[in-house]
C-alpha atoms as a PDB file:
ATOM      1  CA  MET A   1      48.653 104.419 124.387  1.00  0.00           C
ATOM      2  CA  PHE A   2      46.848 106.689 126.899  1.00  0.00           C
ATOM      3  CA  GLY A   3      48.213 104.872 129.626  1.00  0.00           C
ATOM      4  CA  LEU A   4      51.847 104.679 128.293  1.00  0.00           C
ATOM      5  CA  ALA A   5      51.746 108.393 127.666  1.00  0.00           C
ATOM      6  CA  THR A   6      50.543 109.132 131.257  1.00  0.00           C
ATOM      7  CA  VAL A   7      53.198 106.811 132.823  1.00  0.00           C
ATOM      8  CA  ALA A   8      55.760 108.570 130.643  1.00  0.00           C
ATOM      9  CA  ALA A   9      54.415 111.881 131.740  1.00  0.00           C
ATOM     10  CA  GLY A  10      54.592 111.273 135.405  1.00  0.00           C
ATOM     11  CA  ALA A  11      58.232 110.077 135.126  1.00  0.00           C
ATOM     12  CA  ALA A  12      59.101 113.087 133.521  1.00  0.00           C
ATOM     13  CA  LEU A  13      57.169 115.163 135.986  1.00  0.00           C
ATOM     14  CA  MET A  14      59.660 114.053 138.792  1.00  0.00           C
ATOM     15  CA  VAL A  15      62.629 115.781 136.767  1.00  0.00           C
ATOM     16  CA  VAL A  16      60.892 118.881 135.293  1.00  0.00           C
ATOM     17  CA  GLY A  17      58.459 119.564 138.278  1.00  0.00           C
ATOM     18  CA  ARG A  18      61.467 120.490 140.573  1.00  0.00           C
ATOM     19  CA  LEU A  19      62.716 123.289 138.256  1.00  0.00           C
ATOM     20  CA  ILE A  20      60.284 125.543 139.929  1.00  0.00           C
ATOM     21  CA  ASP A  21      62.418 125.556 142.979  1.00  0.00           C
ATOM     22  CA  ARG A  22      65.251 127.098 140.913  1.00  0.00           C
ATOM     23  CA  LEU A  23      63.688 129.189 138.293  1.00  0.00           C
ATOM     24  CA  ASP A  24      61.852 132.604 138.660  1.00  0.00           C
ATOM     25  CA  LEU A  25      58.209 132.169 138.937  1.00  0.00           C
ATOM     26  CA  ARG A  26      57.308 134.301 135.782  1.00  0.00           C
ATOM     27  CA  LEU A  27      59.800 132.345 133.796  1.00  0.00           C
ATOM     28  CA  TYR A  28      58.635 128.874 134.863  1.00  0.00           C
ATOM     29  CA  ALA A  29      54.974 129.849 134.655  1.00  0.00           C
ATOM     30  CA  ALA A  30      55.408 131.119 131.030  1.00  0.00           C
ATOM     31  CA  LEU A  31      57.277 128.199 129.921  1.00  0.00           C
ATOM     32  CA  VAL A  32      54.799 125.933 131.260  1.00  0.00           C
ATOM     33  CA  CYS A  33      51.968 127.826 129.312  1.00  0.00           C
ATOM     34  CA  ILE A  34      54.369 127.680 126.211  1.00  0.00           C
ATOM     35  CA  TRP A  35      54.496 123.933 126.618  1.00  0.00           C
ATOM     36  CA  MET A  36      50.863 123.586 126.781  1.00  0.00           C
ATOM     37  CA  ALA A  37      50.406 125.610 123.548  1.00  0.00           C
ATOM     38  CA  GLY A  38      53.050 123.672 121.921  1.00  0.00           C
ATOM     39  CA  ALA A  39      51.382 120.163 123.366  1.00  0.00           C
ATOM     40  CA  ALA A  40      47.936 121.238 121.717  1.00  0.00           C
ATOM     41  CA  LEU A  41      49.392 122.339 118.334  1.00  0.00           C
ATOM     42  CA  LEU A  42      51.433 119.008 118.166  1.00  0.00           C
ATOM     43  CA  THR A  43      48.486 116.990 118.923  1.00  0.00           C
ATOM     44  CA  SER A  44      46.498 118.820 116.214  1.00  0.00           C
ATOM     45  CA  ALA A  45      49.073 117.954 113.640  1.00  0.00           C
ATOM     46  CA  ALA A  46      49.605 114.181 114.552  1.00  0.00           C
ATOM     47  CA  ALA A  47      49.934 112.419 111.522  1.00  0.00           C
ATOM     48  CA  ASN A  48      50.339 108.956 113.020  1.00  0.00           C
ATOM     49  CA  VAL A  49      49.914 107.087 116.212  1.00  0.00           C
ATOM     50  CA  ALA A  50      53.297 107.854 117.520  1.00  0.00           C
ATOM     51  CA  LEU A  51      52.848 111.604 117.072  1.00  0.00           C
ATOM     52  CA  LEU A  52      49.491 111.285 118.739  1.00  0.00           C
ATOM     53  CA  GLY A  53      50.909 109.630 121.653  1.00  0.00           C
ATOM     54  CA  LEU A  54      53.701 112.169 122.036  1.00  0.00           C
ATOM     55  CA  GLY A  55      50.964 114.821 121.858  1.00  0.00           C
ATOM     56  CA  ILE A  56      48.953 112.936 124.687  1.00  0.00           C
ATOM     57  CA  PHE A  57      52.227 112.805 126.627  1.00  0.00           C
ATOM     58  CA  ALA A  58      52.854 116.637 126.299  1.00  0.00           C
ATOM     59  CA  LEU A  59      49.193 117.540 127.298  1.00  0.00           C
ATOM     60  CA  ARG A  60      49.192 115.197 130.422  1.00  0.00           C
ATOM     61  CA  LEU A  61      52.825 116.539 131.503  1.00  0.00           C
ATOM     62  CA  GLY A  62      51.738 120.168 130.956  1.00  0.00           C
ATOM     63  CA  GLY A  63      48.044 120.125 132.411  1.00  0.00           C
ATOM     64  CA  GLN A  64      47.631 117.493 135.037  1.00  0.00           C
ATOM     65  CA  GLY A  65      51.353 117.758 135.889  1.00  0.00           C
ATOM     66  CA  LEU A  66      53.096 121.038 135.617  1.00  0.00           C
ATOM     67  CA  MET A  67      50.056 123.594 135.532  1.00  0.00           C
ATOM     68  CA  THR A  68      48.429 121.939 138.636  1.00  0.00           C
ATOM     69  CA  GLY A  69      51.844 122.039 140.289  1.00  0.00           C
ATOM     70  CA  THR A  70      52.702 125.553 139.564  1.00  0.00           C
ATOM     71  CA  ALA A  71      49.480 126.605 141.028  1.00  0.00           C
ATOM     72  CA  ALA A  72      49.747 124.616 144.397  1.00  0.00           C
ATOM     73  CA  VAL A  73      53.345 125.199 144.920  1.00  0.00           C
ATOM     74  CA  SER A  74      53.157 128.882 144.358  1.00  0.00           C
ATOM     75  CA  MET A  75      50.178 129.198 146.783  1.00  0.00           C
ATOM     76  CA  ALA A  76      51.940 127.128 149.617  1.00  0.00           C
ATOM     77  CA  ARG A  77      55.124 128.976 149.101  1.00  0.00           C
ATOM     78  CA  TYR A  78      53.969 132.472 149.016  1.00  0.00           C
ATOM     79  CA  PHE A  79      51.091 132.549 151.560  1.00  0.00           C
ATOM     80  CA  PRO A  80      52.433 130.518 154.399  1.00  0.00           C
ATOM     81  CA  GLU A  81      50.140 131.755 157.085  1.00  0.00           C
ATOM     82  CA  ARG A  82      46.988 131.159 154.880  1.00  0.00           C
ATOM     83  CA  ARG A  83      48.218 128.283 152.870  1.00  0.00           C
ATOM     84  CA  GLY A  84      44.889 126.266 152.928  1.00  0.00           C
ATOM     85  CA  THR A  85      42.772 129.037 151.924  1.00  0.00           C
ATOM     86  CA  ALA A  86      44.931 130.242 149.182  1.00  0.00           C
ATOM     87  CA  ILE A  87      45.016 126.878 147.629  1.00  0.00           C
ATOM     88  CA  SER A  88      41.219 126.519 148.053  1.00  0.00           C
ATOM     89  CA  ILE A  89      40.962 129.805 146.155  1.00  0.00           C
ATOM     90  CA  VAL A  90      42.910 128.187 143.223  1.00  0.00           C
ATOM     91  CA  SER A  91      40.411 125.463 143.148  1.00  0.00           C
ATOM     92  CA  LEU A  92      38.095 127.828 141.711  1.00  0.00           C
ATOM     93  CA  GLY A  93      39.946 127.422 138.267  1.00  0.00           C
ATOM     94  CA  ALA A  94      40.135 123.620 138.562  1.00  0.00           C
ATOM     95  CA  THR A  95      36.345 123.621 139.002  1.00  0.00           C
ATOM     96  CA  VAL A  96      35.728 126.074 136.119  1.00  0.00           C
ATOM     97  CA  GLY A  97      37.937 123.799 133.963  1.00  0.00           C
ATOM     98  CA  LEU A  98      36.129 120.602 135.043  1.00  0.00           C
ATOM     99  CA  SER A  99      32.833 122.177 134.288  1.00  0.00           C
ATOM    100  CA  ALA A 100      33.589 123.955 131.216  1.00  0.00           C
ATOM    101  CA  PHE A 101      36.218 122.121 129.194  1.00  0.00           C
ATOM    102  CA  PRO A 102      34.316 118.918 128.479  1.00  0.00           C
ATOM    103  CA  THR A 103      31.448 121.135 127.093  1.00  0.00           C
ATOM    104  CA  ILE A 104      33.809 123.362 125.003  1.00  0.00           C
ATOM    105  CA  GLY A 105      35.475 120.138 123.778  1.00  0.00           C
ATOM    106  CA  VAL A 106      32.495 118.522 122.562  1.00  0.00           C
ATOM    107  CA  ALA A 107      31.388 121.993 121.058  1.00  0.00           C
ATOM    108  CA  LEU A 108      34.732 122.161 119.152  1.00  0.00           C
ATOM    109  CA  LEU A 109      34.643 118.618 118.174  1.00  0.00           C
ATOM    110  CA  ALA A 110      31.109 118.812 116.704  1.00  0.00           C
ATOM    111  CA  SER A 111      31.934 122.246 115.029  1.00  0.00           C
ATOM    112  CA  ILE A 112      35.200 121.956 113.482  1.00  0.00           C
ATOM    113  CA  GLY A 113      36.671 118.507 114.440  1.00  0.00           C
ATOM    114  CA  TRP A 114      39.432 117.543 116.781  1.00  0.00           C
ATOM    115  CA  ARG A 115      42.281 118.739 114.858  1.00  0.00           C
ATOM    116  CA  LEU A 116      41.163 122.199 114.282  1.00  0.00           C
ATOM    117  CA  GLY A 117      39.900 122.164 118.089  1.00  0.00           C
ATOM    118  CA  TYR A 118      43.357 121.369 119.462  1.00  0.00           C
ATOM    119  CA  LEU A 119      44.781 123.983 116.979  1.00  0.00           C
ATOM    120  CA  SER A 120      42.450 126.522 118.252  1.00  0.00           C
ATOM    121  CA  VAL A 121      43.266 125.994 121.795  1.00  0.00           C
ATOM    122  CA  GLY A 122      46.933 125.899 120.999  1.00  0.00           C
ATOM    123  CA  VAL A 123      46.709 129.299 119.409  1.00  0.00           C
ATOM    124  CA  VAL A 124      44.682 130.952 122.257  1.00  0.00           C
ATOM    125  CA  TYR A 125      47.197 129.495 124.697  1.00  0.00           C
ATOM    126  CA  ALA A 126      50.092 130.958 122.799  1.00  0.00           C
ATOM    127  CA  ILE A 127      48.443 134.393 122.100  1.00  0.00           C
ATOM    128  CA  GLY A 128      46.350 134.913 125.271  1.00  0.00           C
ATOM    129  CA  LEU A 129      47.560 132.711 128.169  1.00  0.00           C
ATOM    130  CA  VAL A 130      51.252 133.561 128.353  1.00  0.00           C
ATOM    131  CA  PRO A 131      50.704 137.377 128.369  1.00  0.00           C
ATOM    132  CA  LEU A 132      47.828 136.999 130.923  1.00  0.00           C
ATOM    133  CA  VAL A 133      50.085 134.888 133.096  1.00  0.00           C
ATOM    134  CA  LEU A 134      52.885 137.521 133.033  1.00  0.00           C
ATOM    135  CA  TRP A 135      50.449 140.246 133.715  1.00  0.00           C
ATOM    136  CA  LEU A 136      49.072 138.467 136.831  1.00  0.00           C
ATOM    137  CA  LEU A 137      52.470 137.942 138.168  1.00  0.00           C
ATOM    138  CA  LYS A 138      53.641 141.579 138.091  1.00  0.00           C
ATOM    139  CA  GLY A 139      55.028 142.701 141.207  1.00  0.00           C
ATOM    140  CA  HIS A 140      56.539 139.235 141.821  1.00  0.00           C
ATOM    141  CA  SER A 141      59.833 140.456 142.946  1.00  0.00           C
ATOM    142  CA  GLU A 142      58.594 142.227 145.806  1.00  0.00           C
ATOM    143  CA  ARG A 143      56.435 139.065 146.512  1.00  0.00           C
ATOM    144  CA  HIS A 144      59.569 136.680 146.277  1.00  0.00           C
ATOM    145  CA  ARG A 145      61.626 139.174 148.568  1.00  0.00           C
ATOM    146  CA  ARG A 146      59.012 139.004 151.385  1.00  0.00           C
ATOM    147  CA  TYR A 147      59.080 135.415 151.155  1.00  0.00           C
ATOM    148  CA  LEU A 148      62.866 135.298 151.535  1.00  0.00           C
ATOM    149  CA  ASP A 149      62.505 137.674 154.544  1.00  0.00           C
ATOM    150  CA  TYR A 150      59.896 135.553 156.083  1.00  0.00           C
ATOM    151  CA  HIS A 151      62.128 132.388 156.032  1.00  0.00           C
ATOM    152  CA  ARG A 152      65.239 134.265 157.084  1.00  0.00           C
ATOM    153  CA  SER A 153      63.347 135.396 160.203  1.00  0.00           C
ATOM    154  CA  GLY A 154      62.184 131.720 160.910  1.00  0.00           C
ATOM    155  CA  GLY A 155      58.506 132.579 160.438  1.00  0.00           C
ATOM    156  CA  GLU A 156      55.774 133.091 163.042  1.00  0.00           C
ATOM    157  CA  GLY A 157      54.169 130.853 165.575  1.00  0.00           C
ATOM    158  CA  ALA A 158      53.670 127.276 164.409  1.00  0.00           C
ATOM    159  CA  MET A 159      55.198 127.930 161.084  1.00  0.00           C
ATOM    160  CA  ARG A 160      58.694 128.494 162.938  1.00  0.00           C
ATOM    161  CA  ARG A 161      58.746 124.777 163.446  1.00  0.00           C
ATOM    162  CA  THR A 162      58.494 123.901 159.882  1.00  0.00           C
ATOM    163  CA  PRO A 163      61.779 122.224 158.541  1.00  0.00           C
ATOM    164  CA  GLU A 164      63.327 122.859 155.295  1.00  0.00           C
ATOM    165  CA  ASN A 165      63.976 119.353 154.115  1.00  0.00           C
ATOM    166  CA  SER A 166      65.621 118.203 150.832  1.00  0.00           C
ATOM    167  CA  LEU A 167      63.719 115.606 148.488  1.00  0.00           C
ATOM    168  CA  ALA A 168      66.153 112.920 149.779  1.00  0.00           C
ATOM    169  CA  GLU A 169      65.305 113.751 153.409  1.00  0.00           C
ATOM    170  CA  ALA A 170      61.397 113.539 152.653  1.00  0.00           C
ATOM    171  CA  LEU A 171      61.918 110.027 150.762  1.00  0.00           C
ATOM    172  CA  ARG A 172      63.645 108.878 153.867  1.00  0.00           C
ATOM    173  CA  ASP A 173      60.683 109.806 156.216  1.00  0.00           C
ATOM    174  CA  ALA A 174      58.335 107.097 156.957  1.00  0.00           C
ATOM    175  CA  ARG A 175      55.363 109.832 156.719  1.00  0.00           C
ATOM    176  CA  PHE A 176      55.895 110.090 153.086  1.00  0.00           C
ATOM    177  CA  TYR A 177      55.045 106.566 152.277  1.00  0.00           C
ATOM    178  CA  LEU A 178      52.079 106.499 154.879  1.00  0.00           C
ATOM    179  CA  ILE A 179      50.391 109.495 153.045  1.00  0.00           C
ATOM    180  CA  LEU A 180      50.793 108.187 149.569  1.00  0.00           C
ATOM    181  CA  PRO A 181      47.658 105.876 149.452  1.00  0.00           C
ATOM    182  CA  MET A 182      45.711 108.905 150.757  1.00  0.00           C
ATOM    183  CA  LEU A 183      47.184 110.916 147.940  1.00  0.00           C
ATOM    184  CA  THR A 184      46.555 108.537 145.209  1.00  0.00           C
ATOM    185  CA  ALA A 185      43.375 107.023 146.134  1.00  0.00           C
ATOM    186  CA  PRO A 186      41.027 109.890 145.071  1.00  0.00           C
ATOM    187  CA  SER A 187      42.487 110.149 141.577  1.00  0.00           C
ATOM    188  CA  TYR A 188      42.768 106.290 141.387  1.00  0.00           C
ATOM    189  CA  ILE A 189      38.993 105.801 142.240  1.00  0.00           C
ATOM    190  CA  LEU A 190      37.811 108.755 140.260  1.00  0.00           C
ATOM    191  CA  THR A 191      39.538 108.005 137.201  1.00  0.00           C
ATOM    192  CA  GLY A 192      38.263 104.172 137.427  1.00  0.00           C
ATOM    193  CA  PHE A 193      34.657 105.081 137.851  1.00  0.00           C
ATOM    194  CA  VAL A 194      34.661 107.851 135.120  1.00  0.00           C
ATOM    195  CA  PHE A 195      36.094 105.280 132.632  1.00  0.00           C
ATOM    196  CA  MET A 196      33.614 102.626 133.613  1.00  0.00           C
ATOM    197  CA  GLN A 197      30.665 105.062 133.500  1.00  0.00           C
ATOM    198  CA  VAL A 198      28.953 103.173 130.683  1.00  0.00           C
ATOM    199  CA  PHE A 199      29.307  99.979 132.429  1.00  0.00           C
ATOM    200  CA  ILE A 200      27.866 101.383 135.552  1.00  0.00           C
ATOM    201  CA  VAL A 201      24.634 102.972 133.784  1.00  0.00           C
ATOM    202  CA  ASP A 202      24.187  99.639 131.938  1.00  0.00           C
ATOM    203  CA  GLN A 203      24.052  97.780 135.004  1.00  0.00           C
ATOM    204  CA  LYS A 204      22.159 100.147 137.032  1.00  0.00           C
ATOM    205  CA  GLY A 205      19.591 100.925 134.263  1.00  0.00           C
ATOM    206  CA  TRP A 206      20.305 104.713 134.537  1.00  0.00           C
ATOM    207  CA  SER A 207      20.523 107.080 131.461  1.00  0.00           C
ATOM    208  CA  ILE A 208      23.969 108.121 130.335  1.00  0.00           C
ATOM    209  CA  GLN A 209      22.690 111.641 129.959  1.00  0.00           C
ATOM    210  CA  MET A 210      21.315 111.758 133.389  1.00  0.00           C
ATOM    211  CA  TYR A 211      24.540 110.389 134.546  1.00  0.00           C
ATOM    212  CA  ALA A 212      26.724 112.866 132.738  1.00  0.00           C
ATOM    213  CA  ALA A 213      24.611 115.756 134.281  1.00  0.00           C
ATOM    214  CA  GLY A 214      25.730 114.756 137.752  1.00  0.00           C
ATOM    215  CA  PHE A 215      29.293 115.896 136.814  1.00  0.00           C
ATOM    216  CA  VAL A 216      28.035 119.460 137.501  1.00  0.00           C
ATOM    217  CA  GLY A 217      27.337 118.340 141.132  1.00  0.00           C
ATOM    218  CA  LEU A 218      30.869 116.627 141.188  1.00  0.00           C
ATOM    219  CA  ALA A 219      32.410 120.076 140.248  1.00  0.00           C
ATOM    220  CA  ALA A 220      30.271 122.011 142.682  1.00  0.00           C
ATOM    221  CA  ALA A 221      30.958 119.550 145.417  1.00  0.00           C
ATOM    222  CA  SER A 222      34.772 119.846 144.579  1.00  0.00           C
ATOM    223  CA  LEU A 223      34.755 123.661 145.051  1.00  0.00           C
ATOM    224  CA  LEU A 224      32.418 123.633 147.983  1.00  0.00           C
ATOM    225  CA  PHE A 225      34.623 121.102 150.047  1.00  0.00           C
ATOM    226  CA  SER A 226      37.790 122.873 149.002  1.00  0.00           C
ATOM    227  CA  MET A 227      36.499 126.213 150.169  1.00  0.00           C
ATOM    228  CA  ILE A 228      35.409 124.705 153.403  1.00  0.00           C
ATOM    229  CA  LEU A 229      38.574 122.800 154.333  1.00  0.00           C
ATOM    230  CA  GLY A 230      40.903 125.569 153.189  1.00  0.00           C
ATOM    231  CA  PRO A 231      40.346 127.700 156.428  1.00  0.00           C
ATOM    232  CA  ILE A 232      40.172 124.603 158.517  1.00  0.00           C
ATOM    233  CA  VAL A 233      43.584 123.532 157.403  1.00  0.00           C
ATOM    234  CA  ASP A 234      44.974 126.885 158.194  1.00  0.00           C
ATOM    235  CA  ARG A 235      43.615 126.639 161.751  1.00  0.00           C
ATOM    236  CA  VAL A 236      44.390 122.999 162.710  1.00  0.00           C
ATOM    237  CA  GLY A 237      46.867 121.862 160.075  1.00  0.00           C
ATOM    238  CA  ALA A 238      46.636 119.539 156.992  1.00  0.00           C
ATOM    239  CA  LEU A 239      48.027 116.615 158.867  1.00  0.00           C
ATOM    240  CA  ARG A 240      45.056 116.439 161.128  1.00  0.00           C
ATOM    241  CA  VAL A 241      42.619 117.046 158.343  1.00  0.00           C
ATOM    242  CA  MET A 242      44.147 114.496 155.896  1.00  0.00           C
ATOM    243  CA  PRO A 243      42.565 111.245 157.400  1.00  0.00           C
ATOM    244  CA  PHE A 244      39.124 112.508 156.899  1.00  0.00           C
ATOM    245  CA  ILE A 245      39.125 113.517 153.095  1.00  0.00           C
ATOM    246  CA  LEU A 246      37.979 110.265 152.041  1.00  0.00           C
ATOM    247  CA  ALA A 247      34.994 110.296 154.258  1.00  0.00           C
ATOM    248  CA  PRO A 248      32.557 111.427 151.425  1.00  0.00           C
ATOM    249  CA  LEU A 249      33.687 108.447 149.472  1.00  0.00           C
ATOM    250  CA  ALA A 250      33.108 106.186 152.266  1.00  0.00           C
ATOM    251  CA  VAL A 251      29.497 107.389 152.140  1.00  0.00           C
ATOM    252  CA  GLY A 252      29.046 107.225 148.338  1.00  0.00           C
ATOM    253  CA  LEU A 253      30.705 103.962 147.574  1.00  0.00           C
ATOM    254  CA  PRO A 254      28.058 101.866 149.771  1.00  0.00           C
ATOM    255  CA  LEU A 255      25.144 103.706 148.286  1.00  0.00           C
ATOM    256  CA  LEU A 256      26.507 102.937 144.824  1.00  0.00           C
ATOM    257  CA  ALA A 257      26.875  99.254 145.856  1.00  0.00           C
ATOM    258  CA  LEU A 258      23.486  98.843 147.447  1.00  0.00           C
ATOM    259  CA  PHE A 259      20.792 100.827 145.477  1.00  0.00           C
ATOM    260  CA  ASP A 260      19.641 101.537 141.923  1.00  0.00           C
ATOM    261  CA  HIS A 261      17.531 104.603 142.335  1.00  0.00           C
ATOM    262  CA  PRO A 262      18.765 107.240 139.666  1.00  0.00           C
ATOM    263  CA  LEU A 263      19.240 109.768 142.424  1.00  0.00           C
ATOM    264  CA  ILE A 264      22.065 107.712 143.788  1.00  0.00           C
ATOM    265  CA  ALA A 265      24.189 108.444 140.590  1.00  0.00           C
ATOM    266  CA  TRP A 266      24.237 112.251 141.589  1.00  0.00           C
ATOM    267  CA  ILE A 267      24.792 111.553 145.243  1.00  0.00           C
ATOM    268  CA  PHE A 268      27.835 109.340 144.317  1.00  0.00           C
ATOM    269  CA  LEU A 269      29.352 111.926 141.864  1.00  0.00           C
ATOM    270  CA  PHE A 270      28.811 114.661 144.527  1.00  0.00           C
ATOM    271  CA  CYS A 271      30.690 112.317 146.995  1.00  0.00           C
ATOM    272  CA  MET A 272      33.562 111.980 144.576  1.00  0.00           C
ATOM    273  CA  GLY A 273      33.719 115.602 143.922  1.00  0.00           C
ATOM    274  CA  ALA A 274      33.879 116.397 147.446  1.00  0.00           C
ATOM    275  CA  THR A 275      36.715 114.034 148.001  1.00  0.00           C
ATOM    276  CA  LEU A 276      38.415 115.485 145.185  1.00  0.00           C
ATOM    277  CA  GLY A 277      38.262 119.140 146.390  1.00  0.00           C
ATOM    278  CA  GLY A 278      39.308 117.852 149.888  1.00  0.00           C
ATOM    279  CA  ASN A 279      42.350 116.322 148.263  1.00  0.00           C
ATOM    280  CA  PHE A 280      43.433 119.058 146.239  1.00  0.00           C
ATOM    281  CA  THR A 281      43.428 121.435 149.190  1.00  0.00           C
ATOM    282  CA  VAL A 282      44.979 119.156 151.697  1.00  0.00           C
ATOM    283  CA  PHE A 283      47.643 117.925 149.652  1.00  0.00           C
ATOM    284  CA  GLY A 284      48.401 121.264 148.328  1.00  0.00           C
ATOM    285  CA  ALA A 285      49.383 122.288 151.878  1.00  0.00           C
ATOM    286  CA  ILE A 286      50.730 118.906 153.460  1.00  0.00           C
ATOM    287  CA  TRP A 287      54.072 118.765 151.672  1.00  0.00           C
ATOM    288  CA  ALA A 288      55.110 122.423 152.920  1.00  0.00           C
ATOM    289  CA  GLU A 289      53.855 121.644 156.154  1.00  0.00           C
ATOM    290  CA  LEU A 290      55.641 118.616 156.716  1.00  0.00           C
ATOM    291  CA  TRP A 291      58.936 119.343 154.740  1.00  0.00           C
ATOM    292  CA  GLY A 292      58.919 123.058 154.151  1.00  0.00           C
ATOM    293  CA  THR A 293      58.875 125.181 150.838  1.00  0.00           C
ATOM    294  CA  ARG A 294      62.689 125.431 149.776  1.00  0.00           C
ATOM    295  CA  HIS A 295      62.359 121.984 147.975  1.00  0.00           C
ATOM    296  CA  LEU A 296      58.657 122.257 147.574  1.00  0.00           C
ATOM    297  CA  GLY A 297      58.759 121.540 143.771  1.00  0.00           C
ATOM    298  CA  ALA A 298      60.983 118.555 143.994  1.00  0.00           C
ATOM    299  CA  ILE A 299      59.115 116.832 146.715  1.00  0.00           C
ATOM    300  CA  ARG A 300      55.570 117.775 145.530  1.00  0.00           C
ATOM    301  CA  SER A 301      56.459 116.402 141.874  1.00  0.00           C
ATOM    302  CA  VAL A 302      57.278 113.026 143.199  1.00  0.00           C
ATOM    303  CA  GLY A 303      53.977 112.683 144.848  1.00  0.00           C
ATOM    304  CA  GLN A 304      52.121 114.157 141.973  1.00  0.00           C
ATOM    305  CA  ALA A 305      53.982 111.673 139.622  1.00  0.00           C
ATOM    306  CA  LEU A 306      52.827 108.950 141.652  1.00  0.00           C
ATOM    307  CA  MET A 307      49.278 109.935 141.526  1.00  0.00           C
ATOM    308  CA  VAL A 308      49.421 110.451 137.683  1.00  0.00           C
ATOM    309  CA  PHE A 309      50.667 106.835 137.733  1.00  0.00           C
ATOM    310  CA  SER A 310      47.550 106.001 139.548  1.00  0.00           C
ATOM    311  CA  THR A 311      45.277 107.301 136.889  1.00  0.00           C
ATOM    312  CA  ALA A 312      47.048 105.341 134.262  1.00  0.00           C
ATOM    313  CA  LEU A 313      46.583 102.341 136.407  1.00  0.00           C
ATOM    314  CA  ALA A 314      42.968 102.786 137.201  1.00  0.00           C
ATOM    315  CA  PRO A 315      41.235 102.125 133.757  1.00  0.00           C
ATOM    316  CA  TRP A 316      43.401  98.933 133.369  1.00  0.00           C
ATOM    317  CA  THR A 317      42.788  97.381 136.732  1.00  0.00           C
ATOM    318  CA  PHE A 318      39.011  98.512 136.562  1.00  0.00           C
ATOM    319  CA  GLY A 319      38.620  97.006 133.242  1.00  0.00           C
ATOM    320  CA  LEU A 320      40.253  93.684 134.130  1.00  0.00           C
ATOM    321  CA  MET A 321      37.854  93.403 137.087  1.00  0.00           C
ATOM    322  CA  ALA A 322      34.911  94.019 135.011  1.00  0.00           C
ATOM    323  CA  ASP A 323      36.064  91.658 132.568  1.00  0.00           C
ATOM    324  CA  GLY A 324      36.576  89.123 135.311  1.00  0.00           C
ATOM    325  CA  GLY A 325      32.724  89.264 136.208  1.00  0.00           C
ATOM    326  CA  MET A 326      32.842  91.813 138.723  1.00  0.00           C
ATOM    327  CA  THR A 327      29.673  93.826 139.121  1.00  0.00           C
ATOM    328  CA  VAL A 328      29.441  97.522 139.891  1.00  0.00           C
ATOM    329  CA  ALA A 329      28.569  96.543 143.484  1.00  0.00           C
ATOM    330  CA  ALA A 330      31.830  94.650 143.915  1.00  0.00           C
ATOM    331  CA  LEU A 331      34.081  97.334 142.388  1.00  0.00           C
ATOM    332  CA  ALA A 332      32.403  99.671 145.116  1.00  0.00           C
ATOM    333  CA  TRP A 333      32.994  97.526 147.962  1.00  0.00           C
ATOM    334  CA  ILE A 334      36.714  96.744 146.806  1.00  0.00           C
ATOM    335  CA  ASN A 335      37.220 100.589 146.701  1.00  0.00           C
ATOM    336  CA  LEU A 336      35.632 101.050 149.949  1.00  0.00           C
ATOM    337  CA  ALA A 337      38.172  98.741 151.377  1.00  0.00           C
ATOM    338  CA  HIS A 338      40.849 100.750 149.692  1.00  0.00           C
ATOM    339  CA  VAL A 339      39.315 103.971 151.142  1.00  0.00           C
ATOM    340  CA  GLY A 340      39.444 102.510 154.673  1.00  0.00           C
ATOM    341  CA  ILE A 341      43.158 101.335 154.389  1.00  0.00           C
ATOM    342  CA  ALA A 342      44.143 104.594 152.818  1.00  0.00           C
ATOM    343  CA  SER A 343      42.420 106.677 155.710  1.00  0.00           C
ATOM    344  CA  ALA A 344      44.050 104.377 158.482  1.00  0.00           C
ATOM    345  CA  LEU A 345      47.482 104.820 157.192  1.00  0.00           C
ATOM    346  CA  ALA A 346      47.100 108.456 156.900  1.00  0.00           C
ATOM    347  CA  PHE A 347      45.935 108.746 160.647  1.00  0.00           C
ATOM    348  CA  LEU A 348      49.368 107.225 161.663  1.00  0.00           C
ATOM    349  CA  PRO A 349      51.469 110.429 161.069  1.00  0.00           C
ATOM    350  CA  TRP A 350      49.207 112.637 162.996  1.00  0.00           C
ATOM    351  CA  LEU A 351      49.195 110.172 165.929  1.00  0.00           C
ATOM    352  CA  VAL A 352      52.969 109.797 165.936  1.00  0.00           C
ATOM    353  CA  GLN A 353      53.418 113.564 165.758  1.00  0.00           C
ATOM    354  CA  SER A 354      50.743 113.921 168.623  1.00  0.00           C
ATOM    355  CA  LEU A 355      52.824 111.408 170.946  1.00  0.00           C
ATOM    356  CA  VAL A 356      56.097 113.098 170.203  1.00  0.00           C
ATOM    357  CA  ARG A 357      54.718 116.649 171.181  1.00  0.00           C
ATOM    358  CA  GLU A 358      53.195 114.988 174.532  1.00  0.00           C
ATOM    359  CA  ILE A 359      56.723 113.564 175.156  1.00  0.00           C
ATOM    360  CA  GLU A 360      58.282 116.798 174.599  1.00  0.00           C
END
């Protein structure tokens, strides 16, 4: 059910996510917050499996899809000269959520149960989140006017060369497909290993409590690498940085395969977090860098939907491999090959662009 709900959310995201290109950001952001409040309330009231599946669909579409997309598209659109830095600052919110929400969820589950827990979240979102977002977006009319003036003038420096392609034009661009494996690899690998954490600790002889504590390091690494890469993206461009964002995983996966020392668990989770933070920053900027911001919501939504599909695929494929007799080491080596292929493909758009500039 979780997988089907996630796939459905990814498909819906390709349709709904593009509305950010047409609606005022204040209205769009408020509607997304209302959607999330409604999703939490629906989940709390689910009386059967069908309603629970609908609740999961609504949560996945609103949280992983629309909320993340709203943050990334807004930063990429309204901070063109400091796009990487702006997106890296947004990662603070993602890191706080990654660190705090599991603990909050466990506390709610233990104290009032999952139904009242979701009910509480829905009420807080409805009463507190919508007014907060609208207050934070005060003065947006002036910000949007500056954005329009910036693009009417053609931008400045390297930004002047940025095209304004439609979704159809982006989908006809070979670069779109070359960078997709790099986009989906972190979410696929992270989701797969998170779902297999009991399988991992059993084979390695680790404590599940010790392994779970390593997620604090994952969150810290995500924030650290996002903040480091933001200014680098501003200086050299997301396309040049992109082939290297899986490098931490290329370090962590062999360590997981070869060693059983408990410290390896924390190092591996730190490496996953570093890649996650790099992926968030680079792919927050890459769509606007390659195809502009006029249709950014539509273009990014397709990429984001494919990433959501990969998270639905991961538990199933990892489970099949484990049921087929594969060890943790075998899973690590297979995903290391995945990392290598994705990184090599992501290098090609930068190489082609560099050759074209040399010819020009």
